[in-house]
Amino acid sequence: MMQIYKVSQSVQFAQQMHQPIVALETAVLTHGLPFPQNVELAKEMEAIVKQNNAVPATTAFINGELTIGMGTDDLAWLGNPETPVRKISRRDFGIASANRLNGGTTVCGTMMAASLAGIQVFATGGIGGVHRHAPMDVSADLEALRDIPMVVACAGAKSILDLPGTLEVLETYGVPVIGYQTSEFPAFYSRQSGLPVDWIVNTPIEVATIAMKQWQYGLSNAILLVIPPPDDADLPQNVVEGWINTAVEEAEQNGIRGASMTPYLLERINQLSNGLSMHTNLALLKNNAVIASLVAIELNKMQLSKVEAQQVY
C-alpha cells in the first residue's frame, strides 16, 4: 500500500537507530496560542525533547500531506497567522488530504499520526473531554485514548471541560489515569481538582513498566499520564473557575459553539487572567515535554531489552 504520510529524515534515522521519540501536536501552534508565542513554544518544545535525549516528532498537515517530524521553517510557516490552517482531528484527515489543506493536529489527530509511524509517547498540554452543560459533546480525543496504545503525557483535561464527566468516560473506555507524583487529576491550570487518579507513580520507569505490562495483555488503550503544572505556575482552582464561568456565559450569549468553543474560551480566560493562564499553559507544556522524554527513554530501553532477549532464545 502506498504510504500516505511523510516522515522526516530525523525521525526516520531515530527509528533506524532505535532512539526514543516523542510526538508533539500542532493544534496548540495553529489554534491554541497567539503569534508569536505559538511559534516560540513549538520550537522550544522540540528543543526540550532534544535536550532530554529524545527525538521530537511534531505532526501536522502541510499542503494536504500528513507530516511526522517538522523543521523550524515549517513550524514558523504553519504558525504564521497569514497561513490558512484547519484544526485537524480524525474526521478531517480525508478532507485535509484530498483538498491539500494545512492544519494543526489535535490530540486525537496526533495520536493517529504517531501510531502510523510506530511512535508510542506523546506530550501535549491538556486532552479534550466532555463539555460542560453539553454531555453529548464529547471530544474524539477520548476515543483515541481508548483505541491507540500510547503514553500520553498531559496536565489532565482542559479545565473548561466537565472533569468528572471526562473521567467517567475514560473509566468506561478502560483508560488508566496515572498521576505523576500526584494523587489528584490535575485541573490543567491548577494542581488540584479533588478528583482521584487510578494510580500514582514517582518515576518515568514506573510509567514505562505499566505501559509495557498493559500492552502485553493485548489491550489497545493508551496510558494517560497526568502531570500537575509546575508549582510556580499553579493557579488557584476557585479563581480559575470564576474566569471559566464568565467565559462560558459570554460564549453562550455570543452563540459560540462547536469547534470554535475551546479556542474562544482559552483566549477569553487569558484576557480575564491578565496573561496568567497563558504563563501556566506554556509552563505545563514544557514540563510535560520533559517528563514525556524521560518516559520515552525508559520505554525504549525496555523494548530493546525485550527484542534482545527474544534474539537470544
C-alpha atoms as a PDB file:
ATOM      1  CA  MET A   1       0.000   0.000   0.000  1.00  0.00           C
ATOM      2  CA  MET A   2       1.243   3.482  -0.893  1.00  0.00           C
ATOM      3  CA  GLN A   3       2.485   5.414   2.130  1.00  0.00           C
ATOM      4  CA  ILE A   4       0.122   8.323   2.693  1.00  0.00           C
ATOM      5  CA  TYR A   5       2.269  10.260   5.130  1.00  0.00           C
ATOM      6  CA  LYS A   6       5.751  11.753   5.251  1.00  0.00           C
ATOM      7  CA  VAL A   7       8.293  11.032   7.971  1.00  0.00           C
ATOM      8  CA  SER A   8      11.198  13.443   8.356  1.00  0.00           C
ATOM      9  CA  GLN A   9      14.770  12.253   7.986  1.00  0.00           C
ATOM     10  CA  SER A  10      15.486  12.908  11.666  1.00  0.00           C
ATOM     11  CA  VAL A  11      12.575  10.734  12.778  1.00  0.00           C
ATOM     12  CA  GLN A  12      13.442   8.027  10.237  1.00  0.00           C
ATOM     13  CA  PHE A  13      17.029   7.988  11.497  1.00  0.00           C
ATOM     14  CA  ALA A  14      15.832   7.779  15.101  1.00  0.00           C
ATOM     15  CA  GLN A  15      13.679   4.789  14.217  1.00  0.00           C
ATOM     16  CA  GLN A  16      16.525   3.051  12.404  1.00  0.00           C
ATOM     17  CA  MET A  17      18.857   3.646  15.346  1.00  0.00           C
ATOM     18  CA  HIS A  18      16.169   2.626  17.890  1.00  0.00           C
ATOM     19  CA  GLN A  19      16.233   6.006  19.635  1.00  0.00           C
ATOM     20  CA  PRO A  20      13.413   7.283  21.891  1.00  0.00           C
ATOM     21  CA  ILE A  21      10.899   9.513  20.081  1.00  0.00           C
ATOM     22  CA  VAL A  22       8.270  11.910  21.448  1.00  0.00           C
ATOM     23  CA  ALA A  23       5.322  13.028  19.319  1.00  0.00           C
ATOM     24  CA  LEU A  24       4.203  16.660  19.602  1.00  0.00           C
ATOM     25  CA  GLU A  25       0.926  18.200  18.438  1.00  0.00           C
ATOM     26  CA  THR A  26       0.373  21.371  16.415  1.00  0.00           C
ATOM     27  CA  ALA A  27      -3.209  22.412  17.239  1.00  0.00           C
ATOM     28  CA  VAL A  28      -1.671  24.482  20.029  1.00  0.00           C
ATOM     29  CA  LEU A  29       0.504  26.112  17.342  1.00  0.00           C
ATOM     30  CA  THR A  30      -2.318  26.817  14.893  1.00  0.00           C
ATOM     31  CA  HIS A  31      -5.262  27.407  17.232  1.00  0.00           C
ATOM     32  CA  GLY A  32      -4.150  27.392  20.866  1.00  0.00           C
ATOM     33  CA  LEU A  33      -1.766  30.306  21.297  1.00  0.00           C
ATOM     34  CA  PRO A  34      -1.351  33.749  19.728  1.00  0.00           C
ATOM     35  CA  PHE A  35       1.507  34.637  17.401  1.00  0.00           C
ATOM     36  CA  PRO A  36       4.469  34.767  18.015  1.00  0.00           C
ATOM     37  CA  GLN A  37       4.237  32.834  21.312  1.00  0.00           C
ATOM     38  CA  ASN A  38       2.882  29.846  19.385  1.00  0.00           C
ATOM     39  CA  VAL A  39       5.935  29.535  17.147  1.00  0.00           C
ATOM     40  CA  GLU A  40       8.347  30.177  20.000  1.00  0.00           C
ATOM     41  CA  LEU A  41       6.686  27.444  22.062  1.00  0.00           C
ATOM     42  CA  ALA A  42       6.719  24.906  19.215  1.00  0.00           C
ATOM     43  CA  LYS A  43      10.435  25.432  18.694  1.00  0.00           C
ATOM     44  CA  GLU A  44      11.123  25.314  22.427  1.00  0.00           C
ATOM     45  CA  MET A  45       9.152  22.062  22.839  1.00  0.00           C
ATOM     46  CA  GLU A  46      11.327  20.430  20.194  1.00  0.00           C
ATOM     47  CA  ALA A  47      14.466  21.793  21.849  1.00  0.00           C
ATOM     48  CA  ILE A  48      13.376  20.466  25.258  1.00  0.00           C
ATOM     49  CA  VAL A  49      12.840  16.966  23.878  1.00  0.00           C
ATOM     50  CA  LYS A  50      16.298  17.040  22.279  1.00  0.00           C
ATOM     51  CA  GLN A  51      17.898  18.360  25.468  1.00  0.00           C
ATOM     52  CA  ASN A  52      16.429  15.382  27.305  1.00  0.00           C
ATOM     53  CA  ASN A  53      17.990  12.903  24.857  1.00  0.00           C
ATOM     54  CA  ALA A  54      14.920  12.043  22.802  1.00  0.00           C
ATOM     55  CA  VAL A  55      13.865  12.930  19.252  1.00  0.00           C
ATOM     56  CA  PRO A  56      10.860  15.215  18.639  1.00  0.00           C
ATOM     57  CA  ALA A  57       8.251  14.259  16.056  1.00  0.00           C
ATOM     58  CA  THR A  58       5.940  17.228  15.601  1.00  0.00           C
ATOM     59  CA  THR A  59       2.970  16.331  13.387  1.00  0.00           C
ATOM     60  CA  ALA A  60       0.816  18.440  11.061  1.00  0.00           C
ATOM     61  CA  PHE A  61      -0.775  18.548   7.626  1.00  0.00           C
ATOM     62  CA  ILE A  62       1.205  20.581   5.112  1.00  0.00           C
ATOM     63  CA  ASN A  63      -0.361  21.039   1.680  1.00  0.00           C
ATOM     64  CA  GLY A  64      -2.522  18.007   2.334  1.00  0.00           C
ATOM     65  CA  GLU A  65       0.339  15.747   3.378  1.00  0.00           C
ATOM     66  CA  LEU A  66       0.421  14.283   6.863  1.00  0.00           C
ATOM     67  CA  THR A  67       3.905  15.169   8.072  1.00  0.00           C
ATOM     68  CA  ILE A  68       5.575  13.489  11.044  1.00  0.00           C
ATOM     69  CA  GLY A  69       8.640  15.445  12.074  1.00  0.00           C
ATOM     70  CA  MET A  70       8.963  19.101  11.076  1.00  0.00           C
ATOM     71  CA  GLY A  71      11.712  21.646  10.587  1.00  0.00           C
ATOM     72  CA  THR A  72      11.835  25.080  12.181  1.00  0.00           C
ATOM     73  CA  ASP A  73      10.840  26.739   8.883  1.00  0.00           C
ATOM     74  CA  ASP A  74       7.726  24.544   8.716  1.00  0.00           C
ATOM     75  CA  LEU A  75       6.791  25.465  12.283  1.00  0.00           C
ATOM     76  CA  ALA A  76       7.223  29.183  11.612  1.00  0.00           C
ATOM     77  CA  TRP A  77       5.157  28.972   8.420  1.00  0.00           C
ATOM     78  CA  LEU A  78       2.376  26.911   9.993  1.00  0.00           C
ATOM     79  CA  GLY A  79       2.175  29.238  12.997  1.00  0.00           C
ATOM     80  CA  ASN A  80       2.055  32.407  10.905  1.00  0.00           C
ATOM     81  CA  PRO A  81      -1.419  33.977  11.210  1.00  0.00           C
ATOM     82  CA  GLU A  82      -1.412  34.592   7.431  1.00  0.00           C
ATOM     83  CA  THR A  83      -1.155  30.863   6.683  1.00  0.00           C
ATOM     84  CA  PRO A  84      -4.613  29.325   6.131  1.00  0.00           C
ATOM     85  CA  VAL A  85      -4.917  26.444   8.603  1.00  0.00           C
ATOM     86  CA  ARG A  86      -7.548  23.987   9.788  1.00  0.00           C
ATOM     87  CA  LYS A  87      -7.781  22.252  13.146  1.00  0.00           C
ATOM     88  CA  ILE A  88      -7.371  18.592  12.210  1.00  0.00           C
ATOM     89  CA  SER A  89      -8.817  15.701  14.177  1.00  0.00           C
ATOM     90  CA  ARG A  90      -9.656  12.187  12.995  1.00  0.00           C
ATOM     91  CA  ARG A  91     -12.667  13.236  10.925  1.00  0.00           C
ATOM     92  CA  ASP A  92     -10.579  15.775   8.988  1.00  0.00           C
ATOM     93  CA  PHE A  93      -7.815  13.530   7.638  1.00  0.00           C
ATOM     94  CA  GLY A  94      -9.545  12.739   4.354  1.00  0.00           C
ATOM     95  CA  ILE A  95     -10.772  16.303   3.880  1.00  0.00           C
ATOM     96  CA  ALA A  96      -7.319  17.779   4.516  1.00  0.00           C
ATOM     97  CA  SER A  97      -5.579  15.255   2.294  1.00  0.00           C
ATOM     98  CA  ALA A  98      -7.995  15.478  -0.637  1.00  0.00           C
ATOM     99  CA  ASN A  99      -8.036  19.280  -0.624  1.00  0.00           C
ATOM    100  CA  ARG A 100      -4.342  19.862   0.080  1.00  0.00           C
ATOM    101  CA  LEU A 101      -5.074  21.745   3.291  1.00  0.00           C
ATOM    102  CA  ASN A 102      -2.701  22.899   6.016  1.00  0.00           C
ATOM    103  CA  GLY A 103      -3.514  22.296   9.624  1.00  0.00           C
ATOM    104  CA  GLY A 104      -2.535  21.554  13.187  1.00  0.00           C
ATOM    105  CA  THR A 105      -3.276  18.101  14.543  1.00  0.00           C
ATOM    106  CA  THR A 106      -5.286  17.791  17.749  1.00  0.00           C
ATOM    107  CA  VAL A 107      -4.561  15.234  20.467  1.00  0.00           C
ATOM    108  CA  CYS A 108      -6.624  12.688  18.536  1.00  0.00           C
ATOM    109  CA  GLY A 109      -5.035  13.618  15.210  1.00  0.00           C
ATOM    110  CA  THR A 110      -1.509  13.494  16.614  1.00  0.00           C
ATOM    111  CA  MET A 111      -2.125  10.117  18.239  1.00  0.00           C
ATOM    112  CA  MET A 112      -3.302   8.745  14.904  1.00  0.00           C
ATOM    113  CA  ALA A 113      -0.282  10.173  13.106  1.00  0.00           C
ATOM    114  CA  ALA A 114       2.178   8.915  15.718  1.00  0.00           C
ATOM    115  CA  SER A 115       0.587   5.479  15.678  1.00  0.00           C
ATOM    116  CA  LEU A 116       1.064   5.239  11.896  1.00  0.00           C
ATOM    117  CA  ALA A 117       4.773   5.842  12.438  1.00  0.00           C
ATOM    118  CA  GLY A 118       5.064   3.463  15.406  1.00  0.00           C
ATOM    119  CA  ILE A 119       5.661   6.241  17.982  1.00  0.00           C
ATOM    120  CA  GLN A 120       4.421   5.371  21.469  1.00  0.00           C
ATOM    121  CA  VAL A 121       4.964   8.506  23.576  1.00  0.00           C
ATOM    122  CA  PHE A 122       3.202  11.825  23.080  1.00  0.00           C
ATOM    123  CA  ALA A 123       3.431  15.102  25.015  1.00  0.00           C
ATOM    124  CA  THR A 124       0.607  17.635  24.969  1.00  0.00           C
ATOM    125  CA  GLY A 125      -0.994  20.263  27.188  1.00  0.00           C
ATOM    126  CA  GLY A 126      -4.460  19.020  28.044  1.00  0.00           C
ATOM    127  CA  ILE A 127      -6.738  16.472  26.417  1.00  0.00           C
ATOM    128  CA  GLY A 128     -10.275  17.170  25.232  1.00  0.00           C
ATOM    129  CA  GLY A 129     -13.203  15.609  27.030  1.00  0.00           C
ATOM    130  CA  VAL A 130     -16.842  16.039  27.950  1.00  0.00           C
ATOM    131  CA  HIS A 131     -18.050  19.627  27.591  1.00  0.00           C
ATOM    132  CA  ARG A 132     -19.806  21.431  30.418  1.00  0.00           C
ATOM    133  CA  HIS A 133     -23.591  21.674  30.057  1.00  0.00           C
ATOM    134  CA  ALA A 134     -23.359  19.547  26.891  1.00  0.00           C
ATOM    135  CA  PRO A 135     -22.789  15.893  27.860  1.00  0.00           C
ATOM    136  CA  MET A 136     -23.279  14.742  24.259  1.00  0.00           C
ATOM    137  CA  ASP A 137     -20.397  16.974  23.134  1.00  0.00           C
ATOM    138  CA  VAL A 138     -17.519  14.595  23.726  1.00  0.00           C
ATOM    139  CA  SER A 139     -14.058  15.074  22.233  1.00  0.00           C
ATOM    140  CA  ALA A 140     -12.719  12.491  19.807  1.00  0.00           C
ATOM    141  CA  ASP A 141      -9.582  12.546  21.976  1.00  0.00           C
ATOM    142  CA  LEU A 142     -11.273  10.143  24.396  1.00  0.00           C
ATOM    143  CA  GLU A 143     -11.952   7.513  21.731  1.00  0.00           C
ATOM    144  CA  ALA A 144      -8.358   7.840  20.528  1.00  0.00           C
ATOM    145  CA  LEU A 145      -7.206   7.170  24.084  1.00  0.00           C
ATOM    146  CA  ARG A 146      -9.411   4.087  24.082  1.00  0.00           C
ATOM    147  CA  ASP A 147      -8.096   2.766  20.765  1.00  0.00           C
ATOM    148  CA  ILE A 148      -4.411   3.697  20.448  1.00  0.00           C
ATOM    149  CA  PRO A 149      -1.676   2.164  22.671  1.00  0.00           C
ATOM    150  CA  MET A 150       0.426   5.178  23.581  1.00  0.00           C
ATOM    151  CA  VAL A 151       1.658   7.031  26.666  1.00  0.00           C
ATOM    152  CA  VAL A 152       0.028  10.467  26.579  1.00  0.00           C
ATOM    153  CA  ALA A 153       1.680  12.956  28.922  1.00  0.00           C
ATOM    154  CA  CYS A 154      -0.610  15.863  29.762  1.00  0.00           C
ATOM    155  CA  ALA A 155      -1.857  18.142  32.552  1.00  0.00           C
ATOM    156  CA  GLY A 156      -5.206  16.373  32.627  1.00  0.00           C
ATOM    157  CA  ALA A 157      -8.172  17.623  30.609  1.00  0.00           C
ATOM    158  CA  LYS A 158      -8.630  21.292  29.836  1.00  0.00           C
ATOM    159  CA  SER A 159     -10.281  22.827  32.900  1.00  0.00           C
ATOM    160  CA  ILE A 160     -13.003  24.424  30.767  1.00  0.00           C
ATOM    161  CA  LEU A 161     -14.446  20.900  30.465  1.00  0.00           C
ATOM    162  CA  ASP A 162     -16.562  18.708  32.728  1.00  0.00           C
ATOM    163  CA  LEU A 163     -13.714  16.944  34.528  1.00  0.00           C
ATOM    164  CA  PRO A 164     -15.810  14.375  36.489  1.00  0.00           C
ATOM    165  CA  GLY A 165     -17.697  13.519  33.292  1.00  0.00           C
ATOM    166  CA  THR A 166     -14.446  13.169  31.371  1.00  0.00           C
ATOM    167  CA  LEU A 167     -13.037  10.794  33.982  1.00  0.00           C
ATOM    168  CA  GLU A 168     -16.223   8.712  33.836  1.00  0.00           C
ATOM    169  CA  VAL A 169     -15.826   8.253  30.076  1.00  0.00           C
ATOM    170  CA  LEU A 170     -12.140   7.374  30.478  1.00  0.00           C
ATOM    171  CA  GLU A 171     -13.127   4.729  33.027  1.00  0.00           C
ATOM    172  CA  THR A 172     -15.753   3.320  30.664  1.00  0.00           C
ATOM    173  CA  TYR A 173     -13.155   3.182  27.882  1.00  0.00           C
ATOM    174  CA  GLY A 174     -10.659   1.359  30.100  1.00  0.00           C
ATOM    175  CA  VAL A 175      -8.045   4.097  30.000  1.00  0.00           C
ATOM    176  CA  PRO A 176      -5.834   4.052  33.122  1.00  0.00           C
ATOM    177  CA  VAL A 177      -5.257   7.527  34.545  1.00  0.00           C
ATOM    178  CA  ILE A 178      -1.801   7.583  36.125  1.00  0.00           C
ATOM    179  CA  GLY A 179      -0.818  10.511  38.334  1.00  0.00           C
ATOM    180  CA  TYR A 180       2.812  11.599  38.049  1.00  0.00           C
ATOM    181  CA  GLN A 181       3.789  12.430  41.627  1.00  0.00           C
ATOM    182  CA  THR A 182       0.186  13.359  42.377  1.00  0.00           C
ATOM    183  CA  SER A 183      -2.889  11.645  43.781  1.00  0.00           C
ATOM    184  CA  GLU A 184      -5.255  14.097  42.092  1.00  0.00           C
ATOM    185  CA  PHE A 185      -6.317  14.555  38.493  1.00  0.00           C
ATOM    186  CA  PRO A 186      -4.858  17.975  37.600  1.00  0.00           C
ATOM    187  CA  ALA A 187      -7.298  20.672  36.530  1.00  0.00           C
ATOM    188  CA  PHE A 188      -4.925  21.919  33.819  1.00  0.00           C
ATOM    189  CA  TYR A 189      -4.172  25.390  35.226  1.00  0.00           C
ATOM    190  CA  SER A 190      -4.426  24.037  38.786  1.00  0.00           C
ATOM    191  CA  ARG A 191      -2.593  21.217  40.507  1.00  0.00           C
ATOM    192  CA  GLN A 192      -5.705  20.125  42.395  1.00  0.00           C
ATOM    193  CA  SER A 193      -9.210  19.175  41.320  1.00  0.00           C
ATOM    194  CA  GLY A 194     -10.381  16.975  44.185  1.00  0.00           C
ATOM    195  CA  LEU A 195     -10.690  14.081  41.717  1.00  0.00           C
ATOM    196  CA  PRO A 196      -8.577  10.924  42.239  1.00  0.00           C
ATOM    197  CA  VAL A 197      -6.320   9.183  39.746  1.00  0.00           C
ATOM    198  CA  ASP A 198      -6.188   5.402  39.293  1.00  0.00           C
ATOM    199  CA  TRP A 199      -2.559   5.067  40.385  1.00  0.00           C
ATOM    200  CA  ILE A 200       0.382   7.193  41.485  1.00  0.00           C
ATOM    201  CA  VAL A 201       3.905   6.923  40.049  1.00  0.00           C
ATOM    202  CA  ASN A 202       7.029   8.804  41.010  1.00  0.00           C
ATOM    203  CA  THR A 203       9.479   7.909  38.246  1.00  0.00           C
ATOM    204  CA  PRO A 204       9.498   7.539  34.444  1.00  0.00           C
ATOM    205  CA  ILE A 205      10.478   3.874  34.725  1.00  0.00           C
ATOM    206  CA  GLU A 206       7.260   3.149  36.625  1.00  0.00           C
ATOM    207  CA  VAL A 207       5.246   4.681  33.794  1.00  0.00           C
ATOM    208  CA  ALA A 208       7.089   2.639  31.167  1.00  0.00           C
ATOM    209  CA  THR A 209       6.623  -0.550  33.181  1.00  0.00           C
ATOM    210  CA  ILE A 210       2.859  -0.031  33.486  1.00  0.00           C
ATOM    211  CA  ALA A 211       2.599   0.670  29.756  1.00  0.00           C
ATOM    212  CA  MET A 212       4.590  -2.440  28.797  1.00  0.00           C
ATOM    213  CA  LYS A 213       2.586  -4.685  31.131  1.00  0.00           C
ATOM    214  CA  GLN A 214      -0.725  -3.211  29.948  1.00  0.00           C
ATOM    215  CA  TRP A 215       0.055  -3.753  26.274  1.00  0.00           C
ATOM    216  CA  GLN A 216       1.389  -7.266  26.842  1.00  0.00           C
ATOM    217  CA  TYR A 217      -2.208  -8.271  27.524  1.00  0.00           C
ATOM    218  CA  GLY A 218      -3.155  -7.163  24.041  1.00  0.00           C
ATOM    219  CA  LEU A 219      -5.034  -4.130  25.357  1.00  0.00           C
ATOM    220  CA  SER A 220      -5.126  -1.311  22.844  1.00  0.00           C
ATOM    221  CA  ASN A 221      -5.808   1.620  25.137  1.00  0.00           C
ATOM    222  CA  ALA A 222      -3.459   4.472  25.932  1.00  0.00           C
ATOM    223  CA  ILE A 223      -1.868   5.239  29.275  1.00  0.00           C
ATOM    224  CA  LEU A 224      -2.974   8.716  30.323  1.00  0.00           C
ATOM    225  CA  LEU A 225      -0.121  10.181  32.343  1.00  0.00           C
ATOM    226  CA  VAL A 226      -1.374  13.281  34.142  1.00  0.00           C
ATOM    227  CA  ILE A 227       1.254  15.747  35.338  1.00  0.00           C
ATOM    228  CA  PRO A 228       0.402  18.773  37.527  1.00  0.00           C
ATOM    229  CA  PRO A 229       1.618  22.166  36.332  1.00  0.00           C
ATOM    230  CA  PRO A 230       4.864  23.302  37.990  1.00  0.00           C
ATOM    231  CA  ASP A 231       4.450  24.793  41.471  1.00  0.00           C
ATOM    232  CA  ASP A 232       5.389  28.295  40.360  1.00  0.00           C
ATOM    233  CA  ALA A 233       2.738  28.227  37.618  1.00  0.00           C
ATOM    234  CA  ASP A 234      -0.111  26.743  39.670  1.00  0.00           C
ATOM    235  CA  LEU A 235      -3.283  28.860  39.734  1.00  0.00           C
ATOM    236  CA  PRO A 236      -5.944  28.565  42.480  1.00  0.00           C
ATOM    237  CA  GLN A 237      -8.791  26.403  41.233  1.00  0.00           C
ATOM    238  CA  ASN A 238     -11.543  28.628  42.645  1.00  0.00           C
ATOM    239  CA  VAL A 239     -10.107  31.668  40.853  1.00  0.00           C
ATOM    240  CA  VAL A 240      -9.829  29.777  37.566  1.00  0.00           C
ATOM    241  CA  GLU A 241     -13.431  28.598  37.950  1.00  0.00           C
ATOM    242  CA  GLY A 242     -14.555  32.213  38.140  1.00  0.00           C
ATOM    243  CA  TRP A 243     -12.806  33.031  34.870  1.00  0.00           C
ATOM    244  CA  ILE A 244     -14.229  29.907  33.214  1.00  0.00           C
ATOM    245  CA  ASN A 245     -17.796  30.642  34.292  1.00  0.00           C
ATOM    246  CA  THR A 246     -17.559  34.179  32.945  1.00  0.00           C
ATOM    247  CA  ALA A 247     -16.087  32.973  29.633  1.00  0.00           C
ATOM    248  CA  VAL A 248     -18.691  30.220  29.231  1.00  0.00           C
ATOM    249  CA  GLU A 249     -21.565  32.651  29.873  1.00  0.00           C
ATOM    250  CA  GLU A 250     -20.160  35.077  27.315  1.00  0.00           C
ATOM    251  CA  ALA A 251     -19.725  32.290  24.764  1.00  0.00           C
ATOM    252  CA  GLU A 252     -23.355  31.250  25.178  1.00  0.00           C
ATOM    253  CA  GLN A 253     -24.523  34.854  24.817  1.00  0.00           C
ATOM    254  CA  ASN A 254     -22.493  35.202  21.609  1.00  0.00           C
ATOM    255  CA  GLY A 255     -23.703  31.915  20.137  1.00  0.00           C
ATOM    256  CA  ILE A 256     -20.250  30.352  20.077  1.00  0.00           C
ATOM    257  CA  ARG A 257     -20.286  26.556  19.945  1.00  0.00           C
ATOM    258  CA  GLY A 258     -18.690  23.508  18.361  1.00  0.00           C
ATOM    259  CA  ALA A 259     -15.049  23.626  17.258  1.00  0.00           C
ATOM    260  CA  SER A 260     -14.894  27.377  17.923  1.00  0.00           C
ATOM    261  CA  MET A 261     -15.722  26.997  21.619  1.00  0.00           C
ATOM    262  CA  THR A 262     -12.378  25.820  23.019  1.00  0.00           C
ATOM    263  CA  PRO A 263     -10.182  28.435  21.251  1.00  0.00           C
ATOM    264  CA  TYR A 264     -12.618  31.173  22.304  1.00  0.00           C
ATOM    265  CA  LEU A 265     -12.684  30.093  25.948  1.00  0.00           C
ATOM    266  CA  LEU A 266      -8.902  29.770  26.195  1.00  0.00           C
ATOM    267  CA  GLU A 267      -8.378  33.207  24.674  1.00  0.00           C
ATOM    268  CA  ARG A 268     -11.037  34.812  26.888  1.00  0.00           C
ATOM    269  CA  ILE A 269      -9.628  33.179  30.036  1.00  0.00           C
ATOM    270  CA  ASN A 270      -6.204  34.540  29.130  1.00  0.00           C
ATOM    271  CA  GLN A 271      -7.718  38.018  28.904  1.00  0.00           C
ATOM    272  CA  LEU A 272      -9.564  37.665  32.200  1.00  0.00           C
ATOM    273  CA  SER A 273      -6.427  36.377  33.946  1.00  0.00           C
ATOM    274  CA  ASN A 274      -4.222  39.159  32.546  1.00  0.00           C
ATOM    275  CA  GLY A 275      -1.975  36.583  30.917  1.00  0.00           C
ATOM    276  CA  LEU A 276      -1.571  34.292  33.917  1.00  0.00           C
ATOM    277  CA  SER A 277      -3.346  31.397  32.216  1.00  0.00           C
ATOM    278  CA  MET A 278      -1.004  31.594  29.226  1.00  0.00           C
ATOM    279  CA  HIS A 279       2.003  31.583  31.549  1.00  0.00           C
ATOM    280  CA  THR A 280       0.696  28.384  33.154  1.00  0.00           C
ATOM    281  CA  ASN A 281      -0.160  26.857  29.787  1.00  0.00           C
ATOM    282  CA  LEU A 282       3.370  27.412  28.493  1.00  0.00           C
ATOM    283  CA  ALA A 283       4.961  26.149  31.706  1.00  0.00           C
ATOM    284  CA  LEU A 284       2.972  22.917  31.807  1.00  0.00           C
ATOM    285  CA  LEU A 285       3.555  22.196  28.111  1.00  0.00           C
ATOM    286  CA  LYS A 286       7.314  22.451  28.590  1.00  0.00           C
ATOM    287  CA  ASN A 287       7.216  20.368  31.773  1.00  0.00           C
ATOM    288  CA  ASN A 288       5.155  17.674  30.058  1.00  0.00           C
ATOM    289  CA  ALA A 289       7.721  17.515  27.244  1.00  0.00           C
ATOM    290  CA  VAL A 290      10.476  16.855  29.788  1.00  0.00           C
ATOM    291  CA  ILE A 291       8.590  14.030  31.523  1.00  0.00           C
ATOM    292  CA  ALA A 292       7.488  12.502  28.212  1.00  0.00           C
ATOM    293  CA  SER A 293      11.108  12.423  27.015  1.00  0.00           C
ATOM    294  CA  LEU A 294      12.236  10.600  30.156  1.00  0.00           C
ATOM    295  CA  VAL A 295       9.384   8.091  29.794  1.00  0.00           C
ATOM    296  CA  ALA A 296      10.256   7.552  26.116  1.00  0.00           C
ATOM    297  CA  ILE A 297      13.835   6.728  27.100  1.00  0.00           C
ATOM    298  CA  GLU A 298      12.748   4.117  29.658  1.00  0.00           C
ATOM    299  CA  LEU A 299      10.151   2.592  27.341  1.00  0.00           C
ATOM    300  CA  ASN A 300      12.726   2.410  24.570  1.00  0.00           C
ATOM    301  CA  LYS A 301      15.195   0.633  26.864  1.00  0.00           C
ATOM    302  CA  MET A 302      12.589  -1.950  27.849  1.00  0.00           C
ATOM    303  CA  GLN A 303      11.580  -2.628  24.271  1.00  0.00           C
ATOM    304  CA  LEU A 304      15.194  -3.029  23.186  1.00  0.00           C
ATOM    305  CA  SER A 305      15.853  -5.425  26.080  1.00  0.00           C
ATOM    306  CA  LYS A 306      12.796  -7.449  25.087  1.00  0.00           C
ATOM    307  CA  VAL A 307      13.997  -7.704  21.477  1.00  0.00           C
ATOM    308  CA  GLU A 308      17.491  -8.708  22.580  1.00  0.00           C
ATOM    309  CA  ALA A 309      16.068 -11.391  24.898  1.00  0.00           C
ATOM    310  CA  GLN A 310      13.981 -12.814  22.054  1.00  0.00           C
ATOM    311  CA  GLN A 311      17.024 -12.925  19.808  1.00  0.00           C
ATOM    312  CA  VAL A 312      18.980 -14.872  22.411  1.00  0.00           C
ATOM    313  CA  TYR A 313      16.281 -17.522  22.542  1.00  0.00           C
END
